[in-house]
Amino acid sequence: MTTSKLRISAMFAVAAASALLMTACGGQQSREPVAAGSGEACVAPAQQLTIATGNSTGVYYVLGGAISDVLSTETDLRVTAAETGASVQNIEQLVAGDYDIAFSLADTASDAVNGTGSFSEPQPVKALGRIHSNYTQVIVRKDSGIHTVADMAGKTVSTGSPKSGTEVIALRLLEAAGLDPDTDVTTQRLDLATSVDELRNGTLDAIFWSGGLPTPNLTELFTMDAGTVEFLDVTPELAGMQKISPVYQKGAIPADTYGLDADVPTIIVPNMLLVRGDMDDATACDITDTIWSNVDKLAQVHAAASEFDAATATQTDPIPLHPGAKEALEALAGK
């Protein structure tokens, strides 16, 4: 039994101490599956799991790899992370059984549980917890004449990978600005790496990206091409976005993130880790406890993990929090 399980509750201290004693004496402690709420630490049965992340250059992918490593090291689970198109695709394939854990933006997850937006019916997903926030990062060429989202009329823009959370936000921003994405704008559904390359060479006038801070591709872009590109303030569209979903909030990209002259006002959206609703409580509890007990390790891989906080992770409405995850988070938060 790993030392991270000591944090799950004071009720577990005796069992945890016995496990540590056996380990110190050279014995092998068997991690038997234990039902959540039984008065002992939640231990998932040994199994293989997969995590749906996002574009290989985005924060989901980096954090997904780090989480899979921590889970494989600290539990009896063997976990791998896979590159995907992100939120919408992740939820579709999570429900289909192709993945067991999935990253998603809160707005897309809300659509999923309500059967709206990209989903024709409610999806059976639950949250392991709220994690870091995604920042809407809209970059335009300085010579494009784009100073507002409405100025994108007649321009060529990338709205992100198909079925990604970025695409959902991009299309909603365009509509909030009074534009029809199908007729008023030439949209390209490109991954971030391709989007950045085409913005550089002038094929695109603007790109949309929703991700944690910093995003490596954008760090490189503003290091190499700061004289030709700039961020766009999209907060004038916040009121329209909040009519669609209350999860949209005002935030700012700090200037030092990309070596800018000033902070950039923007719209932020929380991220969630999702599982299918039928995941057993012990597995959900073990996964959640292990992730939030190893935030320092995850933050060494990407700074966005420093936002993981057991005290706020339960704030997943309208996405239901998995009962096993709820037990782990409340214990970690000292409730």
C-alpha atoms as a PDB file:
ATOM      1  CA  MET A   1       0.000   0.000   0.000  1.00  0.00           C
ATOM      2  CA  THR A   2       1.497   3.366  -0.975  1.00  0.00           C
ATOM      3  CA  THR A   3       2.058   6.169   1.496  1.00  0.00           C
ATOM      4  CA  SER A   4      -0.335   8.412  -0.444  1.00  0.00           C
ATOM      5  CA  LYS A   5      -3.180   6.282   0.911  1.00  0.00           C
ATOM      6  CA  LEU A   6      -2.373   7.530   4.415  1.00  0.00           C
ATOM      7  CA  ARG A   7      -4.052  10.789   3.431  1.00  0.00           C
ATOM      8  CA  ILE A   8      -7.385   9.261   2.569  1.00  0.00           C
ATOM      9  CA  SER A   9      -8.656   9.443   6.182  1.00  0.00           C
ATOM     10  CA  ALA A  10      -7.533   9.187   9.790  1.00  0.00           C
ATOM     11  CA  MET A  11      -9.741   6.091   9.957  1.00  0.00           C
ATOM     12  CA  PHE A  12      -7.244   4.266   7.771  1.00  0.00           C
ATOM     13  CA  ALA A  13      -4.139   4.935   9.899  1.00  0.00           C
ATOM     14  CA  VAL A  14      -3.829   1.501  11.490  1.00  0.00           C
ATOM     15  CA  ALA A  15      -4.202  -0.408   8.229  1.00  0.00           C
ATOM     16  CA  ALA A  16      -1.754   1.925   6.476  1.00  0.00           C
ATOM     17  CA  ALA A  17       0.797   1.653   9.265  1.00  0.00           C
ATOM     18  CA  SER A  18       0.631  -2.147   9.105  1.00  0.00           C
ATOM     19  CA  ALA A  19       1.271  -2.038   5.387  1.00  0.00           C
ATOM     20  CA  LEU A  20       4.266   0.236   5.810  1.00  0.00           C
ATOM     21  CA  LEU A  21       5.656  -2.007   8.533  1.00  0.00           C
ATOM     22  CA  MET A  22       5.433  -5.073   6.292  1.00  0.00           C
ATOM     23  CA  THR A  23       7.203  -3.197   3.510  1.00  0.00           C
ATOM     24  CA  ALA A  24       9.981  -2.029   5.830  1.00  0.00           C
ATOM     25  CA  CYS A  25      10.509  -5.609   6.973  1.00  0.00           C
ATOM     26  CA  GLY A  26      10.837  -6.815   3.425  1.00  0.00           C
ATOM     27  CA  GLY A  27       7.376  -8.340   3.166  1.00  0.00           C
ATOM     28  CA  GLN A  28       5.092  -7.890   0.159  1.00  0.00           C
ATOM     29  CA  GLN A  29       1.821  -6.188   0.986  1.00  0.00           C
ATOM     30  CA  SER A  30      -1.040  -7.326  -1.221  1.00  0.00           C
ATOM     31  CA  ARG A  31      -3.353  -4.524  -2.327  1.00  0.00           C
ATOM     32  CA  GLU A  32      -6.712  -6.251  -2.150  1.00  0.00           C
ATOM     33  CA  PRO A  33      -9.726  -4.518  -3.743  1.00  0.00           C
ATOM     34  CA  VAL A  34     -11.716  -2.760  -1.026  1.00  0.00           C
ATOM     35  CA  ALA A  35     -15.114  -1.164  -1.472  1.00  0.00           C
ATOM     36  CA  ALA A  36     -15.303   2.556  -0.926  1.00  0.00           C
ATOM     37  CA  GLY A  37     -16.869   3.474   2.386  1.00  0.00           C
ATOM     38  CA  SER A  38     -15.814   0.237   4.096  1.00  0.00           C
ATOM     39  CA  GLY A  39     -13.557   1.985   6.594  1.00  0.00           C
ATOM     40  CA  GLU A  40     -10.344   1.079   4.763  1.00  0.00           C
ATOM     41  CA  ALA A  41      -8.393   2.834   2.032  1.00  0.00           C
ATOM     42  CA  CYS A  42      -9.896   2.530  -1.449  1.00  0.00           C
ATOM     43  CA  VAL A  43      -7.836   0.091  -3.491  1.00  0.00           C
ATOM     44  CA  ALA A  44      -8.599  -0.555  -7.144  1.00  0.00           C
ATOM     45  CA  PRO A  45      -8.379  -4.108  -8.472  1.00  0.00           C
ATOM     46  CA  ALA A  46      -5.394  -4.674 -10.776  1.00  0.00           C
ATOM     47  CA  GLN A  47      -6.405  -3.771 -14.326  1.00  0.00           C
ATOM     48  CA  GLN A  48      -5.310  -1.919 -17.440  1.00  0.00           C
ATOM     49  CA  LEU A  49      -6.801   1.507 -18.106  1.00  0.00           C
ATOM     50  CA  THR A  50      -6.406   4.118 -20.834  1.00  0.00           C
ATOM     51  CA  ILE A  51      -6.640   7.913 -20.667  1.00  0.00           C
ATOM     52  CA  ALA A  52      -7.975  10.027 -23.563  1.00  0.00           C
ATOM     53  CA  THR A  53      -5.970  13.269 -23.655  1.00  0.00           C
ATOM     54  CA  GLY A  54      -5.713  15.686 -26.603  1.00  0.00           C
ATOM     55  CA  ASN A  55      -3.296  17.044 -29.227  1.00  0.00           C
ATOM     56  CA  SER A  56       0.274  15.874 -28.659  1.00  0.00           C
ATOM     57  CA  THR A  57       1.427  19.484 -28.261  1.00  0.00           C
ATOM     58  CA  GLY A  58      -1.248  20.430 -25.731  1.00  0.00           C
ATOM     59  CA  VAL A  59      -1.450  20.349 -21.934  1.00  0.00           C
ATOM     60  CA  TYR A  60      -3.942  17.445 -21.812  1.00  0.00           C
ATOM     61  CA  TYR A  61      -1.414  15.182 -23.497  1.00  0.00           C
ATOM     62  CA  VAL A  62       1.448  16.175 -21.202  1.00  0.00           C
ATOM     63  CA  LEU A  63      -0.617  15.859 -18.027  1.00  0.00           C
ATOM     64  CA  GLY A  64      -2.217  12.639 -19.242  1.00  0.00           C
ATOM     65  CA  GLY A  65       1.208  11.063 -19.608  1.00  0.00           C
ATOM     66  CA  ALA A  66       2.229  12.250 -16.145  1.00  0.00           C
ATOM     67  CA  ILE A  67      -0.985  10.945 -14.567  1.00  0.00           C
ATOM     68  CA  SER A  68      -0.608   7.563 -16.259  1.00  0.00           C
ATOM     69  CA  ASP A  69       2.933   7.294 -14.873  1.00  0.00           C
ATOM     70  CA  VAL A  70       1.851   8.189 -11.334  1.00  0.00           C
ATOM     71  CA  LEU A  71      -1.086   5.767 -11.372  1.00  0.00           C
ATOM     72  CA  SER A  72       1.055   2.941 -12.763  1.00  0.00           C
ATOM     73  CA  THR A  73       3.723   3.571 -10.120  1.00  0.00           C
ATOM     74  CA  GLU A  74       1.554   4.185  -7.065  1.00  0.00           C
ATOM     75  CA  THR A  75      -1.284   1.677  -7.606  1.00  0.00           C
ATOM     76  CA  ASP A  76      -1.907  -1.798  -9.021  1.00  0.00           C
ATOM     77  CA  LEU A  77      -3.302  -0.169 -12.161  1.00  0.00           C
ATOM     78  CA  ARG A  78      -1.424  -0.161 -15.451  1.00  0.00           C
ATOM     79  CA  VAL A  79      -2.361   3.017 -17.249  1.00  0.00           C
ATOM     80  CA  THR A  80      -1.504   4.413 -20.682  1.00  0.00           C
ATOM     81  CA  ALA A  81      -2.340   7.789 -22.228  1.00  0.00           C
ATOM     82  CA  ALA A  82      -3.393   8.293 -25.847  1.00  0.00           C
ATOM     83  CA  GLU A  83      -3.368  11.302 -28.152  1.00  0.00           C
ATOM     84  CA  THR A  84      -6.874  12.327 -29.281  1.00  0.00           C
ATOM     85  CA  GLY A  85      -8.803  15.221 -30.770  1.00  0.00           C
ATOM     86  CA  ALA A  86      -9.850  16.198 -27.203  1.00  0.00           C
ATOM     87  CA  SER A  87     -13.147  16.936 -25.453  1.00  0.00           C
ATOM     88  CA  VAL A  88     -16.050  15.886 -27.711  1.00  0.00           C
ATOM     89  CA  GLN A  89     -14.176  12.935 -29.188  1.00  0.00           C
ATOM     90  CA  ASN A  90     -12.936  11.968 -25.726  1.00  0.00           C
ATOM     91  CA  ILE A  91     -16.447  11.758 -24.310  1.00  0.00           C
ATOM     92  CA  GLU A  92     -17.800   9.860 -27.310  1.00  0.00           C
ATOM     93  CA  GLN A  93     -15.033   7.279 -27.076  1.00  0.00           C
ATOM     94  CA  LEU A  94     -15.181   7.145 -23.271  1.00  0.00           C
ATOM     95  CA  VAL A  95     -18.862   6.213 -23.457  1.00  0.00           C
ATOM     96  CA  ALA A  96     -18.127   3.735 -26.260  1.00  0.00           C
ATOM     97  CA  GLY A  97     -15.618   1.972 -24.010  1.00  0.00           C
ATOM     98  CA  ASP A  98     -12.513   2.876 -26.004  1.00  0.00           C
ATOM     99  CA  TYR A  99     -11.077   4.782 -23.012  1.00  0.00           C
ATOM    100  CA  ASP A 100     -11.578   4.607 -19.246  1.00  0.00           C
ATOM    101  CA  ILE A 101     -10.636   8.150 -18.192  1.00  0.00           C
ATOM    102  CA  ALA A 102     -10.972  11.304 -20.290  1.00  0.00           C
ATOM    103  CA  PHE A 103      -9.987  14.951 -20.145  1.00  0.00           C
ATOM    104  CA  SER A 104     -12.737  17.392 -21.105  1.00  0.00           C
ATOM    105  CA  LEU A 105     -13.600  21.037 -20.925  1.00  0.00           C
ATOM    106  CA  ALA A 106     -16.467  21.728 -18.538  1.00  0.00           C
ATOM    107  CA  ASP A 107     -18.690  23.246 -21.239  1.00  0.00           C
ATOM    108  CA  THR A 108     -18.415  20.124 -23.405  1.00  0.00           C
ATOM    109  CA  ALA A 109     -18.948  17.867 -20.384  1.00  0.00           C
ATOM    110  CA  SER A 110     -22.028  19.910 -19.455  1.00  0.00           C
ATOM    111  CA  ASP A 111     -23.372  19.436 -22.988  1.00  0.00           C
ATOM    112  CA  ALA A 112     -22.749  15.710 -22.636  1.00  0.00           C
ATOM    113  CA  VAL A 113     -24.695  15.206 -19.399  1.00  0.00           C
ATOM    114  CA  ASN A 114     -27.543  17.388 -20.679  1.00  0.00           C
ATOM    115  CA  GLY A 115     -27.663  15.884 -24.179  1.00  0.00           C
ATOM    116  CA  THR A 116     -27.139  19.260 -25.866  1.00  0.00           C
ATOM    117  CA  GLY A 117     -24.589  20.795 -28.229  1.00  0.00           C
ATOM    118  CA  SER A 118     -22.654  17.987 -29.912  1.00  0.00           C
ATOM    119  CA  PHE A 119     -24.661  15.309 -28.077  1.00  0.00           C
ATOM    120  CA  SER A 120     -28.131  14.189 -29.123  1.00  0.00           C
ATOM    121  CA  GLU A 121     -28.889  12.555 -25.758  1.00  0.00           C
ATOM    122  CA  PRO A 122     -27.491  12.607 -22.199  1.00  0.00           C
ATOM    123  CA  GLN A 123     -24.215  10.728 -21.824  1.00  0.00           C
ATOM    124  CA  PRO A 124     -23.515   8.427 -18.819  1.00  0.00           C
ATOM    125  CA  VAL A 125     -20.391  10.177 -17.549  1.00  0.00           C
ATOM    126  CA  LYS A 126     -19.271  11.331 -14.108  1.00  0.00           C
ATOM    127  CA  ALA A 127     -16.400  13.482 -12.933  1.00  0.00           C
ATOM    128  CA  LEU A 128     -13.390  12.431 -10.908  1.00  0.00           C
ATOM    129  CA  GLY A 129     -12.840  16.102 -10.220  1.00  0.00           C
ATOM    130  CA  ARG A 130     -12.274  19.607 -11.482  1.00  0.00           C
ATOM    131  CA  ILE A 131      -8.644  20.151 -12.461  1.00  0.00           C
ATOM    132  CA  HIS A 132      -6.898  23.152 -14.065  1.00  0.00           C
ATOM    133  CA  SER A 133      -8.517  25.888 -16.146  1.00  0.00           C
ATOM    134  CA  ASN A 134      -8.271  26.258 -19.903  1.00  0.00           C
ATOM    135  CA  TYR A 135      -7.544  29.696 -21.289  1.00  0.00           C
ATOM    136  CA  THR A 136      -9.111  30.745 -24.575  1.00  0.00           C
ATOM    137  CA  GLN A 137      -6.089  31.812 -26.608  1.00  0.00           C
ATOM    138  CA  VAL A 138      -6.950  33.536 -29.886  1.00  0.00           C
ATOM    139  CA  ILE A 139      -3.964  34.704 -31.907  1.00  0.00           C
ATOM    140  CA  VAL A 140      -4.146  36.849 -35.037  1.00  0.00           C
ATOM    141  CA  ARG A 141      -1.642  38.131 -37.548  1.00  0.00           C
ATOM    142  CA  LYS A 142      -0.946  41.815 -36.947  1.00  0.00           C
ATOM    143  CA  ASP A 143      -1.475  42.519 -40.647  1.00  0.00           C
ATOM    144  CA  SER A 144      -4.881  40.760 -40.707  1.00  0.00           C
ATOM    145  CA  GLY A 145      -6.959  43.786 -39.678  1.00  0.00           C
ATOM    146  CA  ILE A 146      -8.607  41.708 -36.937  1.00  0.00           C
ATOM    147  CA  HIS A 147      -9.168  43.677 -33.729  1.00  0.00           C
ATOM    148  CA  THR A 148     -12.386  41.990 -32.573  1.00  0.00           C
ATOM    149  CA  VAL A 149     -13.956  38.585 -33.173  1.00  0.00           C
ATOM    150  CA  ALA A 150     -16.471  40.262 -35.489  1.00  0.00           C
ATOM    151  CA  ASP A 151     -13.551  41.431 -37.662  1.00  0.00           C
ATOM    152  CA  MET A 152     -13.006  37.777 -38.634  1.00  0.00           C
ATOM    153  CA  ALA A 153     -15.762  38.140 -41.229  1.00  0.00           C
ATOM    154  CA  GLY A 154     -14.267  37.207 -44.592  1.00  0.00           C
ATOM    155  CA  LYS A 155     -11.080  35.884 -42.976  1.00  0.00           C
ATOM    156  CA  THR A 156      -9.580  32.392 -42.828  1.00  0.00           C
ATOM    157  CA  VAL A 157      -9.294  30.990 -39.312  1.00  0.00           C
ATOM    158  CA  SER A 158      -8.523  27.681 -37.628  1.00  0.00           C
ATOM    159  CA  THR A 159     -11.193  26.584 -35.151  1.00  0.00           C
ATOM    160  CA  GLY A 160      -9.115  23.677 -33.825  1.00  0.00           C
ATOM    161  CA  SER A 161      -9.208  19.931 -34.239  1.00  0.00           C
ATOM    162  CA  PRO A 162     -12.548  18.352 -35.170  1.00  0.00           C
ATOM    163  CA  LYS A 163     -14.641  17.412 -32.128  1.00  0.00           C
ATOM    164  CA  SER A 164     -12.334  19.254 -29.745  1.00  0.00           C
ATOM    165  CA  GLY A 165     -13.252  21.608 -26.921  1.00  0.00           C
ATOM    166  CA  THR A 166     -11.376  24.301 -28.814  1.00  0.00           C
ATOM    167  CA  GLU A 167     -13.740  23.895 -31.772  1.00  0.00           C
ATOM    168  CA  VAL A 168     -16.787  24.145 -29.508  1.00  0.00           C
ATOM    169  CA  ILE A 169     -15.547  27.405 -27.993  1.00  0.00           C
ATOM    170  CA  ALA A 170     -14.379  28.836 -31.327  1.00  0.00           C
ATOM    171  CA  LEU A 171     -17.733  28.314 -33.014  1.00  0.00           C
ATOM    172  CA  ARG A 172     -19.593  29.762 -30.030  1.00  0.00           C
ATOM    173  CA  LEU A 173     -17.350  32.820 -29.983  1.00  0.00           C
ATOM    174  CA  LEU A 174     -17.958  33.449 -33.684  1.00  0.00           C
ATOM    175  CA  GLU A 175     -21.707  33.114 -33.193  1.00  0.00           C
ATOM    176  CA  ALA A 176     -21.631  35.362 -30.113  1.00  0.00           C
ATOM    177  CA  ALA A 177     -19.968  38.011 -32.309  1.00  0.00           C
ATOM    178  CA  GLY A 178     -22.826  37.749 -34.813  1.00  0.00           C
ATOM    179  CA  LEU A 179     -20.985  35.632 -37.393  1.00  0.00           C
ATOM    180  CA  ASP A 180     -22.171  32.448 -39.082  1.00  0.00           C
ATOM    181  CA  PRO A 181     -19.157  30.098 -39.072  1.00  0.00           C
ATOM    182  CA  ASP A 182     -20.468  28.345 -42.193  1.00  0.00           C
ATOM    183  CA  THR A 183     -20.872  31.430 -44.366  1.00  0.00           C
ATOM    184  CA  ASP A 184     -19.196  34.491 -42.861  1.00  0.00           C
ATOM    185  CA  VAL A 185     -15.803  32.946 -42.128  1.00  0.00           C
ATOM    186  CA  THR A 186     -13.579  30.428 -43.912  1.00  0.00           C
ATOM    187  CA  THR A 187     -12.910  27.897 -41.171  1.00  0.00           C
ATOM    188  CA  GLN A 188     -10.174  25.290 -41.107  1.00  0.00           C
ATOM    189  CA  ARG A 189     -10.392  22.428 -38.569  1.00  0.00           C
ATOM    190  CA  LEU A 190      -6.678  22.060 -37.822  1.00  0.00           C
ATOM    191  CA  ASP A 191      -4.677  20.756 -34.881  1.00  0.00           C
ATOM    192  CA  LEU A 192      -2.599  23.282 -32.997  1.00  0.00           C
ATOM    193  CA  ALA A 193       0.777  22.499 -34.571  1.00  0.00           C
ATOM    194  CA  THR A 194      -0.639  22.865 -38.087  1.00  0.00           C
ATOM    195  CA  SER A 195      -2.576  25.977 -37.096  1.00  0.00           C
ATOM    196  CA  VAL A 196       0.580  27.680 -35.814  1.00  0.00           C
ATOM    197  CA  ASP A 197       2.544  26.773 -38.945  1.00  0.00           C
ATOM    198  CA  GLU A 198      -0.153  28.168 -41.250  1.00  0.00           C
ATOM    199  CA  LEU A 199      -0.544  31.325 -39.185  1.00  0.00           C
ATOM    200  CA  ARG A 200       3.181  31.882 -39.565  1.00  0.00           C
ATOM    201  CA  ASN A 201       3.170  31.460 -43.336  1.00  0.00           C
ATOM    202  CA  GLY A 202       0.099  33.638 -43.809  1.00  0.00           C
ATOM    203  CA  THR A 203      -2.331  30.915 -44.896  1.00  0.00           C
ATOM    204  CA  LEU A 204      -4.405  31.677 -41.801  1.00  0.00           C
ATOM    205  CA  ASP A 205      -5.425  35.059 -40.403  1.00  0.00           C
ATOM    206  CA  ALA A 206      -6.250  33.782 -36.920  1.00  0.00           C
ATOM    207  CA  ILE A 207      -6.228  30.653 -34.780  1.00  0.00           C
ATOM    208  CA  PHE A 208      -8.279  29.549 -31.777  1.00  0.00           C
ATOM    209  CA  TRP A 209      -6.820  27.434 -28.980  1.00  0.00           C
ATOM    210  CA  SER A 210      -8.215  26.451 -25.592  1.00  0.00           C
ATOM    211  CA  GLY A 211      -5.548  25.084 -23.287  1.00  0.00           C
ATOM    212  CA  GLY A 212      -3.577  25.418 -20.085  1.00  0.00           C
ATOM    213  CA  LEU A 213      -0.680  27.812 -19.576  1.00  0.00           C
ATOM    214  CA  PRO A 214       1.806  27.784 -21.076  1.00  0.00           C
ATOM    215  CA  THR A 215       1.214  25.881 -24.314  1.00  0.00           C
ATOM    216  CA  PRO A 216       4.604  24.959 -25.863  1.00  0.00           C
ATOM    217  CA  ASN A 217       3.603  25.721 -29.469  1.00  0.00           C
ATOM    218  CA  LEU A 218       2.529  29.210 -28.474  1.00  0.00           C
ATOM    219  CA  THR A 219       5.649  29.769 -26.406  1.00  0.00           C
ATOM    220  CA  GLU A 220       7.670  29.048 -29.543  1.00  0.00           C
ATOM    221  CA  LEU A 221       5.393  31.219 -31.680  1.00  0.00           C
ATOM    222  CA  PHE A 222       5.793  34.267 -29.448  1.00  0.00           C
ATOM    223  CA  THR A 223       9.507  33.645 -29.119  1.00  0.00           C
ATOM    224  CA  MET A 224      10.147  33.428 -32.859  1.00  0.00           C
ATOM    225  CA  ASP A 225       7.350  35.545 -34.374  1.00  0.00           C
ATOM    226  CA  ALA A 226       6.361  38.117 -31.744  1.00  0.00           C
ATOM    227  CA  GLY A 227       6.614  40.893 -34.317  1.00  0.00           C
ATOM    228  CA  THR A 228       3.953  39.446 -36.606  1.00  0.00           C
ATOM    229  CA  VAL A 229       1.300  37.990 -34.270  1.00  0.00           C
ATOM    230  CA  GLU A 230      -0.696  39.119 -31.238  1.00  0.00           C
ATOM    231  CA  PHE A 231      -3.387  37.905 -28.858  1.00  0.00           C
ATOM    232  CA  LEU A 232      -6.987  39.004 -29.310  1.00  0.00           C
ATOM    233  CA  ASP A 233      -9.131  40.122 -26.349  1.00  0.00           C
ATOM    234  CA  VAL A 234     -12.299  38.001 -26.640  1.00  0.00           C
ATOM    235  CA  THR A 235     -13.952  39.132 -23.393  1.00  0.00           C
ATOM    236  CA  PRO A 236     -16.469  41.405 -25.200  1.00  0.00           C
ATOM    237  CA  GLU A 237     -18.193  38.126 -26.159  1.00  0.00           C
ATOM    238  CA  LEU A 238     -18.329  36.812 -22.563  1.00  0.00           C
ATOM    239  CA  ALA A 239     -21.942  37.857 -21.934  1.00  0.00           C
ATOM    240  CA  GLY A 240     -23.064  36.014 -25.044  1.00  0.00           C
ATOM    241  CA  MET A 241     -21.045  32.951 -24.062  1.00  0.00           C
ATOM    242  CA  GLN A 242     -22.542  32.915 -20.565  1.00  0.00           C
ATOM    243  CA  LYS A 243     -26.024  32.761 -22.085  1.00  0.00           C
ATOM    244  CA  ILE A 244     -24.947  29.400 -23.516  1.00  0.00           C
ATOM    245  CA  SER A 245     -23.254  28.116 -20.368  1.00  0.00           C
ATOM    246  CA  PRO A 246     -22.454  29.606 -16.948  1.00  0.00           C
ATOM    247  CA  VAL A 247     -19.100  27.757 -16.872  1.00  0.00           C
ATOM    248  CA  TYR A 248     -17.502  30.534 -18.949  1.00  0.00           C
ATOM    249  CA  GLN A 249     -15.628  33.032 -16.759  1.00  0.00           C
ATOM    250  CA  LYS A 250     -13.402  36.059 -17.240  1.00  0.00           C
ATOM    251  CA  GLY A 251      -9.688  35.579 -16.715  1.00  0.00           C
ATOM    252  CA  ALA A 252      -6.335  36.767 -18.016  1.00  0.00           C
ATOM    253  CA  ILE A 253      -3.237  35.323 -19.629  1.00  0.00           C
ATOM    254  CA  PRO A 254      -0.387  36.714 -17.497  1.00  0.00           C
ATOM    255  CA  ALA A 255       2.134  38.695 -19.518  1.00  0.00           C
ATOM    256  CA  ASP A 256       5.088  36.595 -18.398  1.00  0.00           C
ATOM    257  CA  THR A 257       3.476  33.417 -19.751  1.00  0.00           C
ATOM    258  CA  TYR A 258       4.609  34.238 -23.280  1.00  0.00           C
ATOM    259  CA  GLY A 259       6.860  37.263 -22.734  1.00  0.00           C
ATOM    260  CA  LEU A 260       4.108  39.783 -23.547  1.00  0.00           C
ATOM    261  CA  ASP A 261       4.026  43.472 -22.706  1.00  0.00           C
ATOM    262  CA  ALA A 262       0.779  43.164 -20.715  1.00  0.00           C
ATOM    263  CA  ASP A 263      -1.762  40.647 -19.466  1.00  0.00           C
ATOM    264  CA  VAL A 264      -4.366  39.570 -22.028  1.00  0.00           C
ATOM    265  CA  PRO A 265      -8.023  39.502 -20.876  1.00  0.00           C
ATOM    266  CA  THR A 266      -9.702  36.285 -21.977  1.00  0.00           C
ATOM    267  CA  ILE A 267     -12.373  33.677 -21.235  1.00  0.00           C
ATOM    268  CA  ILE A 268     -11.482  30.697 -19.098  1.00  0.00           C
ATOM    269  CA  VAL A 269     -13.196  27.320 -18.681  1.00  0.00           C
ATOM    270  CA  PRO A 270     -12.529  24.670 -16.025  1.00  0.00           C
ATOM    271  CA  ASN A 271     -11.353  21.215 -17.075  1.00  0.00           C
ATOM    272  CA  MET A 272     -12.659  17.910 -15.773  1.00  0.00           C
ATOM    273  CA  LEU A 273     -11.396  14.364 -15.545  1.00  0.00           C
ATOM    274  CA  LEU A 274     -14.286  12.102 -16.549  1.00  0.00           C
ATOM    275  CA  VAL A 275     -15.110   8.401 -16.293  1.00  0.00           C
ATOM    276  CA  ARG A 276     -18.128   6.331 -17.238  1.00  0.00           C
ATOM    277  CA  GLY A 277     -20.832   6.312 -14.627  1.00  0.00           C
ATOM    278  CA  ASP A 278     -20.491   2.577 -14.079  1.00  0.00           C
ATOM    279  CA  MET A 279     -16.865   2.663 -12.877  1.00  0.00           C
ATOM    280  CA  ASP A 280     -16.731   0.914  -9.493  1.00  0.00           C
ATOM    281  CA  ASP A 281     -16.337   3.115  -6.435  1.00  0.00           C
ATOM    282  CA  ALA A 282     -13.040   1.600  -5.270  1.00  0.00           C
ATOM    283  CA  THR A 283     -11.327   2.221  -8.612  1.00  0.00           C
ATOM    284  CA  ALA A 284     -12.625   5.792  -8.852  1.00  0.00           C
ATOM    285  CA  CYS A 285     -11.563   6.430  -5.258  1.00  0.00           C
ATOM    286  CA  ASP A 286      -8.079   4.973  -5.743  1.00  0.00           C
ATOM    287  CA  ILE A 287      -7.464   6.918  -8.963  1.00  0.00           C
ATOM    288  CA  THR A 288      -8.675  10.183  -7.447  1.00  0.00           C
ATOM    289  CA  ASP A 289      -6.725   9.800  -4.212  1.00  0.00           C
ATOM    290  CA  THR A 290      -3.535   8.967  -6.086  1.00  0.00           C
ATOM    291  CA  ILE A 291      -3.801  11.890  -8.516  1.00  0.00           C
ATOM    292  CA  TRP A 292      -4.554  14.550  -5.906  1.00  0.00           C
ATOM    293  CA  SER A 293      -1.974  13.103  -3.482  1.00  0.00           C
ATOM    294  CA  ASN A 294       0.737  13.542  -6.124  1.00  0.00           C
ATOM    295  CA  VAL A 295       0.043  17.076  -7.351  1.00  0.00           C
ATOM    296  CA  ASP A 296       3.639  18.141  -6.623  1.00  0.00           C
ATOM    297  CA  LYS A 297       4.973  15.399  -8.920  1.00  0.00           C
ATOM    298  CA  LEU A 298       2.507  16.290 -11.666  1.00  0.00           C
ATOM    299  CA  ALA A 299       3.364  19.988 -11.407  1.00  0.00           C
ATOM    300  CA  GLN A 300       7.012  19.147 -12.084  1.00  0.00           C
ATOM    301  CA  VAL A 301       5.879  17.857 -15.481  1.00  0.00           C
ATOM    302  CA  HIS A 302       3.533  20.768 -16.251  1.00  0.00           C
ATOM    303  CA  ALA A 303       2.746  23.874 -14.213  1.00  0.00           C
ATOM    304  CA  ALA A 304      -0.994  23.570 -14.910  1.00  0.00           C
ATOM    305  CA  ALA A 305      -1.148  20.716 -12.386  1.00  0.00           C
ATOM    306  CA  SER A 306      -0.397  23.197  -9.607  1.00  0.00           C
ATOM    307  CA  GLU A 307      -4.056  24.234  -9.938  1.00  0.00           C
ATOM    308  CA  PHE A 308      -5.226  20.754  -8.854  1.00  0.00           C
ATOM    309  CA  ASP A 309      -6.790  21.313  -5.420  1.00  0.00           C
ATOM    310  CA  ALA A 310      -8.847  18.742  -3.507  1.00  0.00           C
ATOM    311  CA  ALA A 311     -10.804  21.578  -1.876  1.00  0.00           C
ATOM    312  CA  THR A 312     -12.138  22.833  -5.230  1.00  0.00           C
ATOM    313  CA  ALA A 313     -12.042  19.585  -7.208  1.00  0.00           C
ATOM    314  CA  THR A 314     -15.563  18.697  -6.036  1.00  0.00           C
ATOM    315  CA  GLN A 315     -16.963  21.766  -7.836  1.00  0.00           C
ATOM    316  CA  THR A 316     -18.071  19.909 -10.954  1.00  0.00           C
ATOM    317  CA  ASP A 317     -21.721  20.966 -11.368  1.00  0.00           C
ATOM    318  CA  PRO A 318     -23.594  20.225 -13.566  1.00  0.00           C
ATOM    319  CA  ILE A 319     -21.435  17.143 -14.122  1.00  0.00           C
ATOM    320  CA  PRO A 320     -22.157  14.644 -11.315  1.00  0.00           C
ATOM    321  CA  LEU A 321     -19.160  13.781  -9.141  1.00  0.00           C
ATOM    322  CA  HIS A 322     -18.447  10.047  -8.946  1.00  0.00           C
ATOM    323  CA  PRO A 323     -19.189   8.745  -5.399  1.00  0.00           C
ATOM    324  CA  GLY A 324     -15.754   7.114  -5.121  1.00  0.00           C
ATOM    325  CA  ALA A 325     -14.062  10.348  -6.179  1.00  0.00           C
ATOM    326  CA  LYS A 326     -16.201  12.320  -3.735  1.00  0.00           C
ATOM    327  CA  GLU A 327     -15.049  10.107  -0.858  1.00  0.00           C
ATOM    328  CA  ALA A 328     -11.390  10.534  -1.765  1.00  0.00           C
ATOM    329  CA  LEU A 329     -11.548  14.308  -2.327  1.00  0.00           C
ATOM    330  CA  GLU A 330     -13.465  15.049   0.850  1.00  0.00           C
ATOM    331  CA  ALA A 331     -11.024  12.984   2.870  1.00  0.00           C
ATOM    332  CA  LEU A 332      -8.034  14.712   1.277  1.00  0.00           C
ATOM    333  CA  ALA A 333      -9.595  18.127   1.894  1.00  0.00           C
ATOM    334  CA  GLY A 334     -10.100  17.220   5.554  1.00  0.00           C
ATOM    335  CA  LYS A 335     -13.903  17.386   5.492  1.00  0.00           C
END
